[in-house]
Structure formats: C-alpha cells, structure tokens
Amino acid sequence: MQFLNICIPCFNHNVSKLVEELYTQCINENIEFQIIIFEDGSYAESVKKNSLLIEKFNVKHIVSEKNVGRSAARNRLAKEAKKGKIIFLDADSRIYHSDFIKTYKQYLEHKIVSGGRKYLPEQYQKTNALRYKYGLLKETKTPKERNKYPNTGFATNNFMIDSEVFEIVQFNESLKNYGHEDSLFGYELLKNGIKILHIDNPVVDEDIEENSIFLHKTEEGIKNLILIEKSQITDKEFINEIKITKIAKRLKKLKLIFVIRFFNSIFKNKIKRHLLNSSNPNLFLFDFYKLSYYCTLKNKEQ
C-alpha cells in the first residue's frame, strides 16, 4: 500500500468530525497515512479549534494568515504531501460510507480517481433550494454518466491523485477568485494524457449555500471565466468546451445575442427574484440567467 496523504483546504471550518472519521477508517485499514489541513486565511477561533486535532489524529496543521485562494491552497497541500497518493476533500465534506478509504484503496493503480458527491433530502430548505436542486440534478451523476466525458467539469471536492502527477500538472494560481479552476485542472490533465476515472465513493456536501450566496458565487465564476479568456492562460479549446461559451458563440454567429440582451433587460429582475425566493427554482431560468450575465459582461468589454 502506498503512503496516503489526506489533504483538506480549510476556510473557517471545524473539521474535527471529518478528521476523526478519516482517521478511524485509515487505522482500520492498517495503512500509513497523514492528514494535512491548510488554513487559508481562517479566523483565529477556527484555527484554534482545528489545532486541537494535531496530536489526537496525526494531523499536520498549516496556517496561512493570508487567503491565498483555492488553487494555491491545493498546490501547497500537494507540496506538503509525501510521495504516494493524495486524497483531496473539501472541509465541509461528510463521509457517507464507512468503507470510504477502503473503496479508494481498490483504485490505487489509477493516477486520478473522482469519488463524486451526494445530497440528502433532509438538507433541503427553501433558503438553499437553488443550490440544492442544482447539486441534486446537475452534480450527482452516476459514475457511468461522469465517465462519458471524464475530464469535463471536473470537481475537486473529493478525489484521489498520484502525488507525482503534481510534478506534471498543478492548479493555476493566477486564478485567485472562485470559479473554473477545477475545470481548468481537469483540462490540463487531459492535455497531458491523464484521464480521470469516476467511481461511486461520494461524500455529502454539508454546507449548502443559501440562494443569494450561490447566485453571487455563480456570478463570480462567470467573471473568472472571462478572466481566463482575456488572460489566455490556456488555449481556446478549453474555453470552447465550457457550455456557456459554446452557446454564446453560437448565438453570436447567428447574430442572436441581442435577443438574450432584450429578454434580459425585461425579465432580469423577475428571474432573479424567482431564483432567490422559489421553493422549486427553474433550472432553465438559472441557465438563462448565467448566459445573459455572461453576454452582458462580454458586451461591456467591447
């Protein structure tokens, strides 16, 4: 068995339950391991709580007073890892299966394996209905569905990777803000001939953002996408693989962008109110909101 590093980027989150479960499973599997937490600009109170895990659960606790961003945090964790395998988990993850580590052990011969995510019925609230429904319908796909286009739309919340892969591909640290850094990582892996294997080994996303926060993050992600386009930090093929840019370019070619702007000028506020307040938000309207937001920002640049 290769050495196992479990890496958790953390921002103001108490990871004690997550760490305890992972520690217990690793001990039961009789493997060599370490758990590394990277505090990415967390408040002192959060850092103090997580520091209590150092001695009890074989934790390496790294504290950055400055928030360096999701990409840099993951790269730093990879540098701290020993040679072997790395499991990356978001701090708000809950281990769903008691054989989570055992399941990943079965796929050690693969360079990178994605376990997926899960949402539970009891997590639904009207205030998080948009994020919950989007996650349930768009993100919780079966391994068979995810393996059709394995590197497209890659999510970094739960995956295992060979430490040596990070000598070839790293997360792009020029992306400081939220959005598409994981998709770009998946694309760069594919360019280097590294295919992601998707399996059924999900974690539960514990902290489902409220509608207003999720909508704001969506807007930030679109801004980040446009930044990627402008900065040319990757090739056009990556941009062309993103659904929103595909549609926008098709509409531009057909000279129909004005239709999106027209409907957006009339219905934008109504759509936004619906997405923020509906107990069963319409995901088609959410897609339209994203497309119109993208087209509006692109128009301002011209």
C-alpha atoms as a PDB file:
ATOM      1  CA  MET A   1       0.000   0.000   0.000  1.00  0.00           C
ATOM      2  CA  GLN A   2       1.339   3.414  -0.989  1.00  0.00           C
ATOM      3  CA  PHE A   3       1.538   6.173   1.604  1.00  0.00           C
ATOM      4  CA  LEU A   4      -1.756   8.048   1.832  1.00  0.00           C
ATOM      5  CA  ASN A   5      -1.990  11.815   2.295  1.00  0.00           C
ATOM      6  CA  ILE A   6      -5.419  13.247   3.072  1.00  0.00           C
ATOM      7  CA  CYS A   7      -5.420  16.956   2.241  1.00  0.00           C
ATOM      8  CA  ILE A   8      -8.118  19.353   3.405  1.00  0.00           C
ATOM      9  CA  PRO A   9      -8.080  23.036   2.365  1.00  0.00           C
ATOM     10  CA  CYS A  10      -9.983  24.910   5.039  1.00  0.00           C
ATOM     11  CA  PHE A  11     -11.501  28.362   5.495  1.00  0.00           C
ATOM     12  CA  ASN A  12     -13.251  28.990   8.828  1.00  0.00           C
ATOM     13  CA  HIS A  13     -14.499  25.440   9.208  1.00  0.00           C
ATOM     14  CA  ASN A  14     -14.347  22.997  12.101  1.00  0.00           C
ATOM     15  CA  VAL A  15     -13.146  19.740  10.536  1.00  0.00           C
ATOM     16  CA  SER A  16     -12.985  17.635  13.720  1.00  0.00           C
ATOM     17  CA  LYS A  17     -15.784  15.199  12.745  1.00  0.00           C
ATOM     18  CA  LEU A  18     -14.377  14.771   9.243  1.00  0.00           C
ATOM     19  CA  VAL A  19     -10.850  14.185  10.537  1.00  0.00           C
ATOM     20  CA  GLU A  20     -11.980  11.726  13.217  1.00  0.00           C
ATOM     21  CA  GLU A  21     -13.896   9.621  10.684  1.00  0.00           C
ATOM     22  CA  LEU A  22     -10.985   9.598   8.228  1.00  0.00           C
ATOM     23  CA  TYR A  23      -8.502   8.758  10.972  1.00  0.00           C
ATOM     24  CA  THR A  24     -10.641   5.853  12.199  1.00  0.00           C
ATOM     25  CA  GLN A  25     -11.053   4.412   8.709  1.00  0.00           C
ATOM     26  CA  CYS A  26      -7.324   4.671   7.958  1.00  0.00           C
ATOM     27  CA  ILE A  27      -6.423   2.934  11.229  1.00  0.00           C
ATOM     28  CA  ASN A  28      -8.926   0.172  10.469  1.00  0.00           C
ATOM     29  CA  GLU A  29      -7.375  -0.294   7.028  1.00  0.00           C
ATOM     30  CA  ASN A  30      -3.892  -0.530   8.586  1.00  0.00           C
ATOM     31  CA  ILE A  31      -2.283   1.943   6.197  1.00  0.00           C
ATOM     32  CA  GLU A  32       0.455   4.547   6.551  1.00  0.00           C
ATOM     33  CA  PHE A  33      -1.112   7.973   6.318  1.00  0.00           C
ATOM     34  CA  GLN A  34      -1.142  11.581   7.365  1.00  0.00           C
ATOM     35  CA  ILE A  35      -3.903  14.188   7.406  1.00  0.00           C
ATOM     36  CA  ILE A  36      -2.934  17.712   6.351  1.00  0.00           C
ATOM     37  CA  ILE A  37      -5.130  20.756   6.980  1.00  0.00           C
ATOM     38  CA  PHE A  38      -4.328  24.050   5.269  1.00  0.00           C
ATOM     39  CA  GLU A  39      -5.971  27.058   6.912  1.00  0.00           C
ATOM     40  CA  ASP A  40      -6.455  29.529   4.076  1.00  0.00           C
ATOM     41  CA  GLY A  41      -6.816  32.804   5.953  1.00  0.00           C
ATOM     42  CA  SER A  42      -9.153  31.339   8.596  1.00  0.00           C
ATOM     43  CA  TYR A  43     -10.072  33.356  11.693  1.00  0.00           C
ATOM     44  CA  ALA A  44      -8.095  32.685  14.873  1.00  0.00           C
ATOM     45  CA  GLU A  45     -11.008  30.933  16.597  1.00  0.00           C
ATOM     46  CA  SER A  46     -11.381  28.428  13.752  1.00  0.00           C
ATOM     47  CA  VAL A  47      -7.628  27.824  13.627  1.00  0.00           C
ATOM     48  CA  LYS A  48      -7.549  27.194  17.381  1.00  0.00           C
ATOM     49  CA  LYS A  49     -10.313  24.560  17.209  1.00  0.00           C
ATOM     50  CA  ASN A  50      -8.617  22.688  14.391  1.00  0.00           C
ATOM     51  CA  SER A  51      -5.219  22.880  16.115  1.00  0.00           C
ATOM     52  CA  LEU A  52      -6.610  20.556  18.796  1.00  0.00           C
ATOM     53  CA  LEU A  53      -6.569  17.785  16.190  1.00  0.00           C
ATOM     54  CA  ILE A  54      -2.774  17.833  15.753  1.00  0.00           C
ATOM     55  CA  GLU A  55      -1.781  15.349  18.445  1.00  0.00           C
ATOM     56  CA  LYS A  56      -5.003  13.361  18.644  1.00  0.00           C
ATOM     57  CA  PHE A  57      -5.397  12.466  14.975  1.00  0.00           C
ATOM     58  CA  ASN A  58      -1.947  12.593  13.373  1.00  0.00           C
ATOM     59  CA  VAL A  59      -2.739  15.948  11.768  1.00  0.00           C
ATOM     60  CA  LYS A  60      -0.295  18.302  10.093  1.00  0.00           C
ATOM     61  CA  HIS A  61      -1.782  21.770  10.547  1.00  0.00           C
ATOM     62  CA  ILE A  62      -0.573  24.543   8.243  1.00  0.00           C
ATOM     63  CA  VAL A  63      -1.798  28.081   8.839  1.00  0.00           C
ATOM     64  CA  SER A  64      -1.719  30.861   6.270  1.00  0.00           C
ATOM     65  CA  GLU A  65      -2.803  34.198   7.718  1.00  0.00           C
ATOM     66  CA  LYS A  66      -3.475  35.424   4.196  1.00  0.00           C
ATOM     67  CA  ASN A  67      -6.181  33.899   1.999  1.00  0.00           C
ATOM     68  CA  VAL A  68      -4.228  32.586  -0.992  1.00  0.00           C
ATOM     69  CA  GLY A  69      -7.186  31.107  -2.876  1.00  0.00           C
ATOM     70  CA  ARG A  70      -8.383  27.633  -3.782  1.00  0.00           C
ATOM     71  CA  SER A  71      -5.702  26.878  -6.383  1.00  0.00           C
ATOM     72  CA  ALA A  72      -2.706  27.952  -4.301  1.00  0.00           C
ATOM     73  CA  ALA A  73      -4.082  26.171  -1.219  1.00  0.00           C
ATOM     74  CA  ARG A  74      -4.294  22.850  -3.054  1.00  0.00           C
ATOM     75  CA  ASN A  75      -0.841  23.269  -4.588  1.00  0.00           C
ATOM     76  CA  ARG A  76       0.614  23.986  -1.142  1.00  0.00           C
ATOM     77  CA  LEU A  77      -1.052  20.874   0.272  1.00  0.00           C
ATOM     78  CA  ALA A  78       0.391  18.777  -2.567  1.00  0.00           C
ATOM     79  CA  LYS A  79       3.891  20.115  -1.800  1.00  0.00           C
ATOM     80  CA  GLU A  80       3.494  19.131   1.860  1.00  0.00           C
ATOM     81  CA  ALA A  81       2.362  15.614   0.926  1.00  0.00           C
ATOM     82  CA  LYS A  82       4.714  12.648   0.999  1.00  0.00           C
ATOM     83  CA  LYS A  83       5.253  10.551  -2.111  1.00  0.00           C
ATOM     84  CA  GLY A  84       2.273   8.281  -2.715  1.00  0.00           C
ATOM     85  CA  LYS A  85      -1.420   9.029  -3.036  1.00  0.00           C
ATOM     86  CA  ILE A  86      -3.292  12.202  -2.112  1.00  0.00           C
ATOM     87  CA  ILE A  87      -6.993  12.370  -1.305  1.00  0.00           C
ATOM     88  CA  PHE A  88      -8.325  15.924  -1.555  1.00  0.00           C
ATOM     89  CA  LEU A  89     -11.518  16.695   0.349  1.00  0.00           C
ATOM     90  CA  ASP A  90     -13.395  19.936   0.903  1.00  0.00           C
ATOM     91  CA  ALA A  91     -13.643  20.975   4.540  1.00  0.00           C
ATOM     92  CA  ASP A  92     -17.448  20.782   4.534  1.00  0.00           C
ATOM     93  CA  SER A  93     -17.473  17.134   3.434  1.00  0.00           C
ATOM     94  CA  ARG A  94     -19.169  14.391   5.401  1.00  0.00           C
ATOM     95  CA  ILE A  95     -18.010  10.836   4.810  1.00  0.00           C
ATOM     96  CA  TYR A  96     -21.087   8.907   3.696  1.00  0.00           C
ATOM     97  CA  HIS A  97     -19.800   5.324   3.619  1.00  0.00           C
ATOM     98  CA  SER A  98     -17.887   3.523   6.367  1.00  0.00           C
ATOM     99  CA  ASP A  99     -15.698   1.948   3.654  1.00  0.00           C
ATOM    100  CA  PHE A 100     -14.717   5.263   2.034  1.00  0.00           C
ATOM    101  CA  ILE A 101     -10.956   4.710   2.421  1.00  0.00           C
ATOM    102  CA  LYS A 102     -11.250   1.004   1.629  1.00  0.00           C
ATOM    103  CA  THR A 103     -13.024   1.851  -1.635  1.00  0.00           C
ATOM    104  CA  TYR A 104     -10.288   4.257  -2.727  1.00  0.00           C
ATOM    105  CA  LYS A 105      -7.692   1.559  -1.886  1.00  0.00           C
ATOM    106  CA  GLN A 106      -9.159  -0.581  -4.648  1.00  0.00           C
ATOM    107  CA  TYR A 107      -8.140   2.007  -7.274  1.00  0.00           C
ATOM    108  CA  LEU A 108      -4.515   2.695  -6.343  1.00  0.00           C
ATOM    109  CA  GLU A 109      -3.271   1.719  -9.807  1.00  0.00           C
ATOM    110  CA  HIS A 110      -5.097   4.704 -11.338  1.00  0.00           C
ATOM    111  CA  LYS A 111      -3.427   8.112 -11.473  1.00  0.00           C
ATOM    112  CA  ILE A 112      -6.552  10.063 -10.555  1.00  0.00           C
ATOM    113  CA  VAL A 113      -9.939   8.906  -9.288  1.00  0.00           C
ATOM    114  CA  SER A 114     -13.012  11.022  -8.522  1.00  0.00           C
ATOM    115  CA  GLY A 115     -15.463   9.767  -5.895  1.00  0.00           C
ATOM    116  CA  GLY A 116     -18.348  12.140  -6.532  1.00  0.00           C
ATOM    117  CA  ARG A 117     -20.754  13.892  -4.203  1.00  0.00           C
ATOM    118  CA  LYS A 118     -24.165  13.354  -2.656  1.00  0.00           C
ATOM    119  CA  TYR A 119     -27.059  15.478  -1.371  1.00  0.00           C
ATOM    120  CA  LEU A 120     -29.600  14.233   1.160  1.00  0.00           C
ATOM    121  CA  PRO A 121     -33.350  15.059   1.296  1.00  0.00           C
ATOM    122  CA  GLU A 122     -33.085  16.443   4.828  1.00  0.00           C
ATOM    123  CA  GLN A 123     -30.635  19.093   3.613  1.00  0.00           C
ATOM    124  CA  TYR A 124     -33.305  20.855   1.555  1.00  0.00           C
ATOM    125  CA  GLN A 125     -34.598  24.228   2.757  1.00  0.00           C
ATOM    126  CA  LYS A 126     -36.357  26.949   0.839  1.00  0.00           C
ATOM    127  CA  THR A 127     -33.422  29.275   1.507  1.00  0.00           C
ATOM    128  CA  ASN A 128     -30.995  26.868  -0.225  1.00  0.00           C
ATOM    129  CA  ALA A 129     -33.409  25.447  -2.819  1.00  0.00           C
ATOM    130  CA  LEU A 130     -31.407  26.703  -5.817  1.00  0.00           C
ATOM    131  CA  ARG A 131     -28.092  25.203  -4.698  1.00  0.00           C
ATOM    132  CA  TYR A 132     -29.762  22.005  -3.515  1.00  0.00           C
ATOM    133  CA  LYS A 133     -31.697  21.425  -6.743  1.00  0.00           C
ATOM    134  CA  TYR A 134     -28.710  22.295  -8.921  1.00  0.00           C
ATOM    135  CA  GLY A 135     -26.500  19.923  -6.941  1.00  0.00           C
ATOM    136  CA  LEU A 136     -29.063  17.142  -6.970  1.00  0.00           C
ATOM    137  CA  LEU A 137     -29.826  17.313 -10.710  1.00  0.00           C
ATOM    138  CA  LYS A 138     -26.538  18.518 -12.190  1.00  0.00           C
ATOM    139  CA  GLU A 139     -23.772  17.254  -9.913  1.00  0.00           C
ATOM    140  CA  THR A 140     -24.886  13.884  -8.536  1.00  0.00           C
ATOM    141  CA  LYS A 141     -24.445  11.887 -11.715  1.00  0.00           C
ATOM    142  CA  THR A 142     -23.661   8.184 -11.794  1.00  0.00           C
ATOM    143  CA  PRO A 143     -20.065   7.065 -12.472  1.00  0.00           C
ATOM    144  CA  LYS A 144     -21.231   5.771 -15.868  1.00  0.00           C
ATOM    145  CA  GLU A 145     -22.516   9.245 -16.807  1.00  0.00           C
ATOM    146  CA  ARG A 146     -19.406  11.009 -15.494  1.00  0.00           C
ATOM    147  CA  ASN A 147     -17.055   8.620 -17.305  1.00  0.00           C
ATOM    148  CA  LYS A 148     -18.550   9.554 -20.703  1.00  0.00           C
ATOM    149  CA  TYR A 149     -16.626  12.852 -20.561  1.00  0.00           C
ATOM    150  CA  PRO A 150     -14.299  12.157 -17.625  1.00  0.00           C
ATOM    151  CA  ASN A 151     -12.218  15.341 -17.583  1.00  0.00           C
ATOM    152  CA  THR A 152     -15.034  17.774 -18.409  1.00  0.00           C
ATOM    153  CA  GLY A 153     -16.499  19.678 -15.468  1.00  0.00           C
ATOM    154  CA  PHE A 154     -14.068  18.086 -13.022  1.00  0.00           C
ATOM    155  CA  ALA A 155     -14.864  18.815  -9.360  1.00  0.00           C
ATOM    156  CA  THR A 156     -12.150  18.966  -6.703  1.00  0.00           C
ATOM    157  CA  ASN A 157     -14.310  18.279  -3.652  1.00  0.00           C
ATOM    158  CA  ASN A 158     -13.445  14.567  -3.460  1.00  0.00           C
ATOM    159  CA  PHE A 159     -10.697  12.905  -5.480  1.00  0.00           C
ATOM    160  CA  MET A 160      -7.563  10.777  -5.135  1.00  0.00           C
ATOM    161  CA  ILE A 161      -4.471  11.543  -7.184  1.00  0.00           C
ATOM    162  CA  ASP A 162      -0.915  10.284  -7.541  1.00  0.00           C
ATOM    163  CA  SER A 163       1.482  12.765  -5.900  1.00  0.00           C
ATOM    164  CA  GLU A 164       3.770  12.548  -8.938  1.00  0.00           C
ATOM    165  CA  VAL A 165       1.013  13.956 -11.144  1.00  0.00           C
ATOM    166  CA  PHE A 166       1.586  17.321  -9.447  1.00  0.00           C
ATOM    167  CA  GLU A 167       5.051  17.400 -10.983  1.00  0.00           C
ATOM    168  CA  ILE A 168       3.259  17.499 -14.342  1.00  0.00           C
ATOM    169  CA  VAL A 169       0.059  19.480 -13.682  1.00  0.00           C
ATOM    170  CA  GLN A 170      -0.759  21.942 -10.905  1.00  0.00           C
ATOM    171  CA  PHE A 171      -3.682  24.217 -10.187  1.00  0.00           C
ATOM    172  CA  ASN A 172      -3.293  27.594 -11.885  1.00  0.00           C
ATOM    173  CA  GLU A 173      -2.513  30.087  -9.125  1.00  0.00           C
ATOM    174  CA  SER A 174      -3.201  33.117 -11.298  1.00  0.00           C
ATOM    175  CA  LEU A 175      -6.883  32.331 -10.668  1.00  0.00           C
ATOM    176  CA  LYS A 176      -7.428  33.914  -7.257  1.00  0.00           C
ATOM    177  CA  ASN A 177     -11.204  34.133  -7.355  1.00  0.00           C
ATOM    178  CA  TYR A 178     -13.929  31.493  -7.361  1.00  0.00           C
ATOM    179  CA  GLY A 179     -14.787  29.503 -10.461  1.00  0.00           C
ATOM    180  CA  HIS A 180     -13.409  27.170 -13.157  1.00  0.00           C
ATOM    181  CA  GLU A 181     -10.017  26.480 -11.558  1.00  0.00           C
ATOM    182  CA  ASP A 182     -11.106  22.851 -11.158  1.00  0.00           C
ATOM    183  CA  SER A 183     -12.391  22.614 -14.753  1.00  0.00           C
ATOM    184  CA  LEU A 184      -9.077  24.023 -15.980  1.00  0.00           C
ATOM    185  CA  PHE A 185      -7.157  21.471 -13.899  1.00  0.00           C
ATOM    186  CA  GLY A 186      -9.196  18.650 -15.446  1.00  0.00           C
ATOM    187  CA  TYR A 187      -8.497  20.011 -18.921  1.00  0.00           C
ATOM    188  CA  GLU A 188      -4.742  20.308 -18.288  1.00  0.00           C
ATOM    189  CA  LEU A 189      -4.714  16.702 -17.077  1.00  0.00           C
ATOM    190  CA  LEU A 190      -6.374  15.615 -20.323  1.00  0.00           C
ATOM    191  CA  LYS A 191      -3.826  17.573 -22.379  1.00  0.00           C
ATOM    192  CA  ASN A 192      -1.120  15.589 -20.621  1.00  0.00           C
ATOM    193  CA  GLY A 193      -2.810  12.288 -21.385  1.00  0.00           C
ATOM    194  CA  ILE A 194      -4.153  11.758 -17.860  1.00  0.00           C
ATOM    195  CA  LYS A 195      -7.723  10.524 -17.814  1.00  0.00           C
ATOM    196  CA  ILE A 196      -9.890  10.788 -14.689  1.00  0.00           C
ATOM    197  CA  LEU A 197     -11.680   7.651 -13.528  1.00  0.00           C
ATOM    198  CA  HIS A 198     -15.054   8.255 -11.854  1.00  0.00           C
ATOM    199  CA  ILE A 199     -16.285   5.818  -9.213  1.00  0.00           C
ATOM    200  CA  ASP A 200     -19.122   5.574  -6.701  1.00  0.00           C
ATOM    201  CA  ASN A 201     -17.484   6.795  -3.474  1.00  0.00           C
ATOM    202  CA  PRO A 202     -19.330  10.023  -2.634  1.00  0.00           C
ATOM    203  CA  VAL A 203     -19.102  12.480   0.192  1.00  0.00           C
ATOM    204  CA  VAL A 204     -22.021  14.605   1.356  1.00  0.00           C
ATOM    205  CA  ASP A 205     -21.703  18.367   0.886  1.00  0.00           C
ATOM    206  CA  GLU A 206     -22.618  19.531   4.388  1.00  0.00           C
ATOM    207  CA  ASP A 207     -22.791  23.286   3.856  1.00  0.00           C
ATOM    208  CA  ILE A 208     -25.265  24.035   1.090  1.00  0.00           C
ATOM    209  CA  GLU A 209     -25.097  27.748   0.342  1.00  0.00           C
ATOM    210  CA  GLU A 210     -28.168  29.887   0.603  1.00  0.00           C
ATOM    211  CA  ASN A 211     -29.618  31.044  -2.710  1.00  0.00           C
ATOM    212  CA  SER A 212     -28.150  34.556  -2.560  1.00  0.00           C
ATOM    213  CA  ILE A 213     -24.640  33.257  -1.828  1.00  0.00           C
ATOM    214  CA  PHE A 214     -24.828  30.619  -4.549  1.00  0.00           C
ATOM    215  CA  LEU A 215     -26.044  33.159  -7.096  1.00  0.00           C
ATOM    216  CA  HIS A 216     -23.208  35.513  -6.136  1.00  0.00           C
ATOM    217  CA  LYS A 217     -20.671  32.684  -6.473  1.00  0.00           C
ATOM    218  CA  THR A 218     -22.131  31.832  -9.877  1.00  0.00           C
ATOM    219  CA  GLU A 219     -21.579  35.424 -10.993  1.00  0.00           C
ATOM    220  CA  GLU A 220     -18.010  35.331  -9.641  1.00  0.00           C
ATOM    221  CA  GLY A 221     -17.405  32.105 -11.559  1.00  0.00           C
ATOM    222  CA  ILE A 222     -18.544  33.748 -14.800  1.00  0.00           C
ATOM    223  CA  LYS A 223     -16.237  36.705 -14.144  1.00  0.00           C
ATOM    224  CA  ASN A 224     -13.400  34.241 -13.606  1.00  0.00           C
ATOM    225  CA  LEU A 225     -14.238  32.506 -16.880  1.00  0.00           C
ATOM    226  CA  ILE A 226     -13.983  35.814 -18.745  1.00  0.00           C
ATOM    227  CA  LEU A 227     -10.680  36.479 -16.966  1.00  0.00           C
ATOM    228  CA  ILE A 228      -9.389  33.133 -18.248  1.00  0.00           C
ATOM    229  CA  GLU A 229     -10.458  34.105 -21.779  1.00  0.00           C
ATOM    230  CA  LYS A 230      -8.755  37.506 -21.587  1.00  0.00           C
ATOM    231  CA  SER A 231      -5.529  36.369 -19.941  1.00  0.00           C
ATOM    232  CA  GLN A 232      -5.012  33.474 -22.360  1.00  0.00           C
ATOM    233  CA  ILE A 233      -3.632  31.289 -19.554  1.00  0.00           C
ATOM    234  CA  THR A 234      -4.884  28.295 -21.510  1.00  0.00           C
ATOM    235  CA  ASP A 235      -5.770  27.558 -25.116  1.00  0.00           C
ATOM    236  CA  LYS A 236      -9.051  28.272 -26.861  1.00  0.00           C
ATOM    237  CA  GLU A 237     -10.037  24.620 -26.828  1.00  0.00           C
ATOM    238  CA  PHE A 238     -10.687  24.787 -23.076  1.00  0.00           C
ATOM    239  CA  ILE A 239     -12.884  27.880 -23.481  1.00  0.00           C
ATOM    240  CA  ASN A 240     -14.792  26.218 -26.298  1.00  0.00           C
ATOM    241  CA  GLU A 241     -15.572  23.225 -24.076  1.00  0.00           C
ATOM    242  CA  ILE A 242     -17.417  25.351 -21.495  1.00  0.00           C
ATOM    243  CA  LYS A 243     -21.164  25.113 -22.098  1.00  0.00           C
ATOM    244  CA  ILE A 244     -21.911  28.813 -21.595  1.00  0.00           C
ATOM    245  CA  THR A 245     -19.214  29.969 -24.052  1.00  0.00           C
ATOM    246  CA  LYS A 246     -20.313  27.365 -26.605  1.00  0.00           C
ATOM    247  CA  ILE A 247     -23.869  28.700 -26.577  1.00  0.00           C
ATOM    248  CA  ALA A 248     -22.782  32.350 -26.591  1.00  0.00           C
ATOM    249  CA  LYS A 249     -20.513  31.840 -29.594  1.00  0.00           C
ATOM    250  CA  ARG A 250     -23.255  30.028 -31.469  1.00  0.00           C
ATOM    251  CA  LEU A 251     -25.686  32.873 -30.775  1.00  0.00           C
ATOM    252  CA  LYS A 252     -23.106  35.443 -31.828  1.00  0.00           C
ATOM    253  CA  LYS A 253     -22.514  33.592 -35.089  1.00  0.00           C
ATOM    254  CA  LEU A 254     -26.263  33.615 -35.729  1.00  0.00           C
ATOM    255  CA  LYS A 255     -26.399  37.288 -34.683  1.00  0.00           C
ATOM    256  CA  LEU A 256     -28.893  36.483 -31.912  1.00  0.00           C
ATOM    257  CA  ILE A 257     -27.062  37.884 -28.890  1.00  0.00           C
ATOM    258  CA  PHE A 258     -29.378  40.898 -28.988  1.00  0.00           C
ATOM    259  CA  VAL A 259     -32.317  38.560 -28.257  1.00  0.00           C
ATOM    260  CA  ILE A 260     -30.676  37.465 -24.991  1.00  0.00           C
ATOM    261  CA  ARG A 261     -29.972  41.074 -24.039  1.00  0.00           C
ATOM    262  CA  PHE A 262     -33.525  42.102 -24.913  1.00  0.00           C
ATOM    263  CA  PHE A 263     -35.153  39.426 -22.743  1.00  0.00           C
ATOM    264  CA  ASN A 264     -32.617  40.077 -20.015  1.00  0.00           C
ATOM    265  CA  SER A 265     -33.482  43.787 -19.925  1.00  0.00           C
ATOM    266  CA  ILE A 266     -37.161  42.936 -19.416  1.00  0.00           C
ATOM    267  CA  PHE A 267     -37.069  39.850 -17.205  1.00  0.00           C
ATOM    268  CA  LYS A 268     -33.755  40.002 -15.322  1.00  0.00           C
ATOM    269  CA  ASN A 269     -35.192  41.186 -12.001  1.00  0.00           C
ATOM    270  CA  LYS A 270     -38.147  38.781 -12.156  1.00  0.00           C
ATOM    271  CA  ILE A 271     -35.861  35.846 -12.896  1.00  0.00           C
ATOM    272  CA  LYS A 272     -33.510  36.818 -10.094  1.00  0.00           C
ATOM    273  CA  ARG A 273     -36.392  37.080  -7.605  1.00  0.00           C
ATOM    274  CA  HIS A 274     -37.600  33.655  -8.709  1.00  0.00           C
ATOM    275  CA  LEU A 275     -34.158  32.090  -8.243  1.00  0.00           C
ATOM    276  CA  LEU A 276     -33.734  33.670  -4.825  1.00  0.00           C
ATOM    277  CA  ASN A 277     -37.206  33.002  -3.433  1.00  0.00           C
ATOM    278  CA  SER A 278     -38.746  29.975  -5.131  1.00  0.00           C
ATOM    279  CA  SER A 279     -39.046  26.717  -3.203  1.00  0.00           C
ATOM    280  CA  ASN A 280     -38.624  24.903  -6.535  1.00  0.00           C
ATOM    281  CA  PRO A 281     -36.454  27.105  -8.767  1.00  0.00           C
ATOM    282  CA  ASN A 282     -36.480  26.550 -12.513  1.00  0.00           C
ATOM    283  CA  LEU A 283     -33.005  25.489 -13.660  1.00  0.00           C
ATOM    284  CA  PHE A 284     -33.723  26.570 -17.241  1.00  0.00           C
ATOM    285  CA  LEU A 285     -34.158  30.110 -15.908  1.00  0.00           C
ATOM    286  CA  PHE A 286     -30.932  29.669 -13.949  1.00  0.00           C
ATOM    287  CA  ASP A 287     -29.136  28.708 -17.182  1.00  0.00           C
ATOM    288  CA  PHE A 288     -30.645  31.743 -18.922  1.00  0.00           C
ATOM    289  CA  TYR A 289     -29.541  33.989 -16.041  1.00  0.00           C
ATOM    290  CA  LYS A 290     -25.961  32.721 -16.372  1.00  0.00           C
ATOM    291  CA  LEU A 291     -25.941  33.105 -20.149  1.00  0.00           C
ATOM    292  CA  SER A 292     -27.360  36.633 -20.053  1.00  0.00           C
ATOM    293  CA  TYR A 293     -24.912  37.621 -17.296  1.00  0.00           C
ATOM    294  CA  TYR A 294     -22.020  36.316 -19.404  1.00  0.00           C
ATOM    295  CA  CYS A 295     -23.242  38.090 -22.557  1.00  0.00           C
ATOM    296  CA  THR A 296     -23.755  41.355 -20.650  1.00  0.00           C
ATOM    297  CA  LEU A 297     -20.217  41.313 -19.250  1.00  0.00           C
ATOM    298  CA  LYS A 298     -18.740  40.437 -22.642  1.00  0.00           C
ATOM    299  CA  ASN A 299     -20.676  43.293 -24.256  1.00  0.00           C
ATOM    300  CA  LYS A 300     -19.242  45.779 -21.742  1.00  0.00           C
ATOM    301  CA  GLU A 301     -15.730  44.794 -22.813  1.00  0.00           C
ATOM    302  CA  GLN A 302     -16.361  45.614 -26.467  1.00  0.00           C
END
